Amino acid sequence: MISEAQFQEELLSLIKNGIREDIGPGDYSSLACIPDSAMGKAKLLVKDQGIIAGVEFAKMIFSHVDPTLQVETFMHDGTPVQHGDVVFHVFGSSLSILKAERLVLNSMQRMSAIATKTYGYVKLLEGTNTKILDTRKTTPGFRAAEKWAVKIGGGENHRFALYDMIMLKDNHIDFAGGITQAIHKTKQYLEEHNLDLKIIVEARNLAEIEEILESEGIYRILIDNFNFEDTKKAVALIGDKCLTESSGNINEKTIRQYAECGVNYISSGALTHSIYNMDLSLKAF
C-alpha cells in the first residue's frame, strides 16, 4: 500500500484539480454580487440517510480555499445520519465558502454513498472471518477520496494503483505464456529492480490454483468467478499456504455465502462504481 504521505499528496492533488476545474479564472457569479468583505455562515444539511463521509476531507478543502474559514463539526466521519441532520457549520468569507461549496458537496455526496454501501457489506459479513476490499474501479482523479470512504464505511483498501502491489491477472498470465512463467518473470523483475512488492495471482479454475501453489512467495490467490462449491474446494486446496480472495459478480445476495466458503477477503468494484450519491446541501443561514 502507499504511504500516508503519498496518500495525503493524492488528496491535495485532487483538491487542487477540483478547484481549478470549478473556479478557473474566477467565480464570477459570486464576485458580481457579493462584496469582498462579506462574511457568512453555512450548514451542511443531510437530506438522505446512511453513513456520512468526507467531513475531514471537507475541512481540507475549506482550508485550501481559505485558511481563515472555521468549521464547527457536529457529526464525524462514519456516523449514521438521517434526513434533517446538520453535520457541520462553516464560518468566514462568503466568497470563500461559495468557492469551496461544490467541491465539498460533490466529494461528500459520493464519499457518503460509498461509505454507506461499504457499511452494508460489512454488516452482511458479520460473524465471518472475511473482510471486504475495494478495487481500482474508481472515478478517474478521485481514487484517494473513494478509497478513504471505503475505510470510513468499515472496509479495507486493496492496492491503491498499479505501482504498490503486483497483481497477475488473466491477461498478464496469457501474455506472459502461462502462470509459472508470469510468476517467474515477476520475481526476476522485482529482484533486478530492488522492489519489495506483494504478489497476488488470479486463478480461473482449480487447476490454475494448483499451478500457482507450486511457486513460493505468493501473498494471495484471487479466486475469480468461482461458484460456491469450487470456492470451498479452492480454499481447502490453498489451506494456509497464502491468503485467499474471492471476486467476480459478488453482490448483496451472494456475499455472505462466499464468505462462508472460508475466503479471507472479498473484493467488490460495486463499492465505488455502483452507488447513488447521498443527498446533501450547503445552506447559508
Protein backbone atom coordinates (compact mmCIF):
# COMPACT_ATOMS: atom_id res chain seq x y z
CA MET A 1 0.00 0.00 0.00
CA ILE A 2 1.06 3.59 -0.49
CA SER A 3 2.42 5.57 2.46
CA GLU A 4 0.37 8.09 4.42
CA ALA A 5 2.49 10.89 2.93
CA GLN A 6 1.72 9.66 -0.61
CA PHE A 7 -1.96 9.41 0.26
CA GLN A 8 -2.02 12.99 1.53
CA GLU A 9 -0.31 14.13 -1.67
CA GLU A 10 -3.04 12.40 -3.70
CA LEU A 11 -5.73 14.19 -1.69
CA LEU A 12 -4.05 17.57 -2.12
CA SER A 13 -3.72 16.97 -5.86
CA LEU A 14 -7.42 16.07 -6.00
CA ILE A 15 -8.36 19.31 -4.21
CA LYS A 16 -6.15 21.48 -6.40
CA ASN A 17 -7.53 19.96 -9.58
CA GLY A 18 -11.12 20.16 -8.33
CA ILE A 19 -10.77 23.86 -7.53
CA ARG A 20 -9.02 24.53 -10.85
CA GLU A 21 -11.77 22.74 -12.73
CA ASP A 22 -14.62 24.51 -10.93
CA ILE A 23 -13.27 28.04 -10.33
CA GLY A 24 -10.98 28.62 -13.30
CA PRO A 25 -10.17 32.35 -13.59
CA GLY A 26 -12.88 33.25 -11.06
CA ASP A 27 -16.29 32.60 -9.51
CA TYR A 28 -17.91 35.42 -11.43
CA SER A 29 -21.43 34.70 -10.12
CA SER A 30 -20.28 35.42 -6.57
CA LEU A 31 -17.83 38.20 -7.45
CA ALA A 32 -20.56 40.02 -9.35
CA CYS A 33 -22.96 40.39 -6.43
CA ILE A 34 -21.12 39.77 -3.14
CA PRO A 35 -18.58 42.24 -1.64
CA ASP A 36 -15.08 41.01 -0.86
CA SER A 37 -15.62 41.95 2.78
CA ALA A 38 -18.85 39.95 3.20
CA MET A 39 -18.82 37.36 5.97
CA GLY A 40 -21.26 34.48 6.26
CA LYS A 41 -22.01 31.04 7.61
CA ALA A 42 -23.45 27.87 6.12
CA LYS A 43 -24.56 24.47 7.34
CA LEU A 44 -24.08 21.04 5.78
CA LEU A 45 -27.62 19.63 5.71
CA VAL A 46 -28.44 15.94 5.25
CA LYS A 47 -31.45 15.19 3.04
CA ASP A 48 -30.98 11.42 2.98
CA GLN A 49 -29.90 8.61 5.29
CA GLY A 50 -26.78 6.48 5.56
CA ILE A 51 -23.19 6.86 6.74
CA ILE A 52 -21.65 10.32 6.48
CA ALA A 53 -18.16 10.50 4.99
CA GLY A 54 -15.90 13.29 3.81
CA VAL A 55 -16.15 15.58 6.83
CA GLU A 56 -12.39 15.67 7.32
CA PHE A 57 -11.89 15.98 3.58
CA ALA A 58 -14.28 18.95 3.53
CA LYS A 59 -12.15 20.62 6.19
CA MET A 60 -9.10 20.11 3.96
CA ILE A 61 -10.95 21.73 1.04
CA PHE A 62 -12.10 24.72 3.09
CA SER A 63 -8.59 25.20 4.46
CA HIS A 64 -7.07 25.03 0.99
CA VAL A 65 -9.51 27.61 -0.38
CA ASP A 66 -9.18 29.92 2.63
CA PRO A 67 -7.23 29.03 5.81
CA THR A 68 -9.30 31.56 7.78
CA LEU A 69 -12.54 29.60 7.32
CA GLN A 70 -13.69 27.93 10.54
CA VAL A 71 -15.62 24.66 10.73
CA GLU A 72 -17.69 23.55 13.74
CA THR A 73 -18.31 19.80 13.48
CA PHE A 74 -21.38 18.08 14.94
CA MET A 75 -21.13 14.67 13.22
CA HIS A 76 -17.91 12.87 12.35
CA ASP A 77 -16.94 10.56 9.51
CA GLY A 78 -18.56 7.14 9.89
CA THR A 79 -21.59 8.41 11.83
CA PRO A 80 -25.08 7.20 10.77
CA VAL A 81 -27.16 10.17 9.60
CA GLN A 82 -30.77 10.79 8.61
CA HIS A 83 -32.81 13.46 6.87
CA GLY A 84 -32.57 16.78 8.70
CA ASP A 85 -29.23 16.22 10.43
CA VAL A 86 -26.70 19.04 10.36
CA VAL A 87 -23.14 17.75 10.00
CA PHE A 88 -21.19 20.97 10.42
CA HIS A 89 -21.26 24.76 10.25
CA VAL A 90 -18.67 26.75 8.32
CA PHE A 91 -17.95 30.42 9.10
CA GLY A 92 -15.94 33.07 7.28
CA SER A 93 -15.67 34.85 3.95
CA SER A 94 -18.86 34.39 1.95
CA LEU A 95 -16.85 34.30 -1.28
CA SER A 96 -14.58 31.57 0.09
CA ILE A 97 -17.49 29.43 1.26
CA LEU A 98 -19.05 29.66 -2.20
CA LYS A 99 -15.75 28.77 -3.89
CA ALA A 100 -15.49 25.59 -1.84
CA GLU A 101 -19.20 24.68 -1.90
CA ARG A 102 -19.42 22.49 -5.00
CA LEU A 103 -16.22 20.52 -4.43
CA VAL A 104 -17.23 19.89 -0.82
CA LEU A 105 -20.70 18.70 -1.84
CA ASN A 106 -19.58 16.60 -4.80
CA SER A 107 -16.95 14.91 -2.63
CA MET A 108 -19.09 14.32 0.43
CA GLN A 109 -22.10 13.10 -1.53
CA ARG A 110 -20.04 10.45 -3.30
CA MET A 111 -17.91 9.53 -0.30
CA SER A 112 -21.01 9.14 1.88
CA ALA A 113 -22.66 6.88 -0.70
CA ILE A 114 -19.54 4.70 -0.84
CA ALA A 115 -19.24 4.54 2.94
CA THR A 116 -22.92 3.62 3.21
CA LYS A 117 -22.65 0.80 0.66
CA THR A 118 -19.45 -0.48 2.26
CA TYR A 119 -21.05 -0.45 5.71
CA GLY A 120 -23.93 -2.53 4.34
CA TYR A 121 -21.49 -5.15 3.01
CA VAL A 122 -19.57 -5.16 6.30
CA LYS A 123 -22.81 -5.85 8.19
CA LEU A 124 -23.55 -8.77 5.85
CA LEU A 125 -20.15 -10.26 6.71
CA GLU A 126 -20.57 -10.04 10.49
CA GLY A 127 -19.75 -13.32 12.23
CA THR A 128 -17.38 -14.47 9.46
CA ASN A 129 -13.62 -14.02 9.16
CA THR A 130 -13.94 -12.37 5.75
CA LYS A 131 -13.12 -8.73 5.07
CA ILE A 132 -14.41 -6.56 2.23
CA LEU A 133 -11.96 -4.92 -0.17
CA ASP A 134 -12.37 -2.21 -2.77
CA THR A 135 -10.77 -2.31 -6.24
CA ARG A 136 -9.25 0.08 -8.81
CA LYS A 137 -12.70 0.58 -10.37
CA THR A 138 -12.82 4.16 -9.18
CA THR A 139 -13.67 7.55 -10.65
CA PRO A 140 -10.62 8.90 -12.54
CA GLY A 141 -8.88 11.53 -10.42
CA PHE A 142 -10.98 10.80 -7.32
CA ARG A 143 -9.49 7.48 -6.19
CA ALA A 144 -7.92 8.68 -2.95
CA ALA A 145 -11.20 10.07 -1.63
CA GLU A 146 -13.16 6.99 -2.71
CA LYS A 147 -10.74 4.62 -1.02
CA TRP A 148 -10.84 6.79 2.10
CA ALA A 149 -14.64 6.45 2.04
CA VAL A 150 -14.38 2.64 1.90
CA LYS A 151 -12.31 2.69 5.10
CA ILE A 152 -14.78 5.06 6.76
CA GLY A 153 -17.50 2.52 5.94
CA GLY A 154 -15.54 -0.25 7.65
CA GLY A 155 -13.95 -1.87 4.59
CA GLU A 156 -10.31 -2.27 3.65
CA ASN A 157 -8.31 -0.98 0.73
CA HIS A 158 -6.89 -3.23 -1.98
CA ARG A 159 -3.80 -1.91 -3.77
CA PHE A 160 -4.02 1.79 -4.50
CA ALA A 161 -2.72 1.62 -8.04
CA LEU A 162 -0.51 -0.39 -10.38
CA TYR A 163 2.68 0.53 -8.56
CA ASP A 164 2.15 -0.56 -4.95
CA MET A 165 1.36 -4.27 -5.41
CA ILE A 166 1.81 -6.93 -8.09
CA MET A 167 -1.43 -8.45 -9.34
CA LEU A 168 -1.06 -11.02 -12.11
CA LYS A 169 -4.46 -11.27 -13.79
CA ASP A 170 -5.64 -13.33 -16.74
CA ASN A 171 -4.21 -11.02 -19.40
CA HIS A 172 -0.80 -10.84 -17.72
CA ILE A 173 -0.73 -14.63 -17.47
CA ASP A 174 -1.77 -15.15 -21.09
CA PHE A 175 0.65 -12.54 -22.46
CA ALA A 176 3.49 -13.97 -20.35
CA GLY A 177 2.93 -17.51 -21.63
CA GLY A 178 1.32 -19.05 -18.55
CA ILE A 179 1.11 -18.82 -14.76
CA THR A 180 4.51 -20.24 -13.90
CA GLN A 181 6.24 -18.05 -16.49
CA ALA A 182 4.42 -14.93 -15.27
CA ILE A 183 5.37 -15.59 -11.64
CA HIS A 184 8.99 -16.39 -12.50
CA LYS A 185 9.40 -13.27 -14.65
CA THR A 186 7.77 -11.13 -11.97
CA LYS A 187 10.12 -12.34 -9.26
CA GLN A 188 13.11 -11.71 -11.52
CA TYR A 189 11.88 -8.20 -12.28
CA LEU A 190 11.34 -7.37 -8.61
CA GLU A 191 14.81 -8.60 -7.71
CA GLU A 192 16.50 -6.78 -10.57
CA HIS A 193 14.78 -3.51 -9.70
CA ASN A 194 15.11 -3.90 -5.93
CA LEU A 195 11.35 -3.73 -5.41
CA ASP A 196 9.61 -5.21 -2.37
CA LEU A 197 6.02 -5.75 -3.52
CA LYS A 198 3.46 -8.39 -2.56
CA ILE A 199 2.30 -10.72 -5.33
CA ILE A 200 -1.33 -11.66 -5.97
CA VAL A 201 -2.15 -14.15 -8.71
CA GLU A 202 -5.56 -14.67 -10.27
CA ALA A 203 -6.86 -18.20 -10.81
CA ARG A 204 -9.65 -19.07 -13.23
CA ASN A 205 -10.05 -22.70 -12.17
CA LEU A 206 -8.79 -25.27 -9.67
CA ALA A 207 -6.02 -26.46 -11.99
CA GLU A 208 -4.59 -22.94 -12.07
CA ILE A 209 -4.67 -22.79 -8.28
CA GLU A 210 -2.63 -25.99 -8.15
CA GLU A 211 -0.09 -24.46 -10.53
CA ILE A 212 0.12 -21.22 -8.53
CA LEU A 213 0.81 -23.20 -5.36
CA GLU A 214 3.89 -24.73 -6.98
CA SER A 215 5.57 -21.31 -6.69
CA GLU A 216 6.80 -19.86 -3.40
CA GLY A 217 6.26 -16.34 -2.14
CA ILE A 218 2.68 -15.74 -3.31
CA TYR A 219 0.87 -13.36 -0.96
CA ARG A 220 -2.70 -14.01 -2.05
CA ILE A 221 -4.62 -16.02 -4.66
CA LEU A 222 -7.54 -14.31 -6.36
CA ILE A 223 -10.29 -16.90 -6.79
CA ASP A 224 -12.08 -15.25 -9.68
CA ASN A 225 -15.64 -16.04 -10.80
CA PHE A 226 -15.79 -19.41 -9.00
CA ASN A 227 -19.10 -20.87 -7.86
CA PHE A 228 -19.65 -21.70 -4.20
CA GLU A 229 -18.61 -25.34 -4.38
CA ASP A 230 -15.41 -24.65 -6.29
CA THR A 231 -14.60 -21.76 -3.94
CA LYS A 232 -14.80 -24.17 -0.99
CA LYS A 233 -12.53 -26.60 -2.85
CA ALA A 234 -10.09 -23.79 -3.66
CA VAL A 235 -9.92 -22.64 -0.02
CA ALA A 236 -9.27 -26.23 1.12
CA LEU A 237 -6.61 -26.66 -1.55
CA ILE A 238 -4.81 -23.43 -0.60
CA GLY A 239 -5.03 -24.02 3.15
CA ASP A 240 -2.59 -21.76 5.00
CA LYS A 241 -0.10 -21.54 2.13
CA CYS A 242 -1.31 -17.99 1.36
CA LEU A 243 -4.30 -15.71 1.72
CA THR A 244 -7.45 -16.03 -0.40
CA GLU A 245 -9.67 -13.51 -2.15
CA SER A 246 -12.94 -14.04 -3.97
CA SER A 247 -14.18 -11.69 -6.68
CA GLY A 248 -16.41 -11.56 -9.72
CA ASN A 249 -20.09 -10.58 -9.75
CA ILE A 250 -20.46 -10.90 -5.98
CA ASN A 251 -23.37 -8.83 -4.65
CA GLU A 252 -25.52 -8.34 -1.55
CA LYS A 253 -27.37 -11.60 -2.20
CA THR A 254 -24.27 -13.79 -2.58
CA ILE A 255 -21.56 -12.15 -0.46
CA ARG A 256 -22.45 -13.98 2.74
CA GLN A 257 -22.33 -17.40 1.09
CA TYR A 258 -18.94 -16.66 -0.46
CA ALA A 259 -17.65 -15.57 2.95
CA GLU A 260 -18.90 -18.83 4.44
CA CYS A 261 -16.71 -20.67 1.93
CA GLY A 262 -13.81 -19.52 4.11
CA VAL A 263 -12.07 -16.86 2.00
CA ASN A 264 -10.05 -14.18 3.78
CA TYR A 265 -11.21 -11.36 1.53
CA ILE A 266 -13.93 -10.48 -0.94
CA SER A 267 -13.22 -7.66 -3.38
CA SER A 268 -16.04 -5.69 -4.93
CA GLY A 269 -15.88 -2.97 -7.57
CA ALA A 270 -19.51 -2.17 -6.76
CA LEU A 271 -18.39 -0.31 -3.62
CA THR A 272 -17.17 2.53 -5.81
CA HIS A 273 -18.70 2.15 -9.26
CA SER A 274 -22.34 1.31 -8.47
CA ILE A 275 -23.55 3.84 -5.94
CA TYR A 276 -26.06 6.67 -5.78
CA ASN A 277 -24.82 9.90 -4.22
CA MET A 278 -26.19 10.85 -0.83
CA ASP A 279 -28.38 13.96 -1.00
CA LEU A 280 -26.61 16.77 0.87
CA SER A 281 -26.73 20.55 0.62
CA LEU A 282 -24.73 23.50 1.96
CA LYS A 283 -27.17 26.20 3.02
CA ALA A 284 -26.47 29.74 4.20
CA PHE A 285 -28.15 30.67 7.45
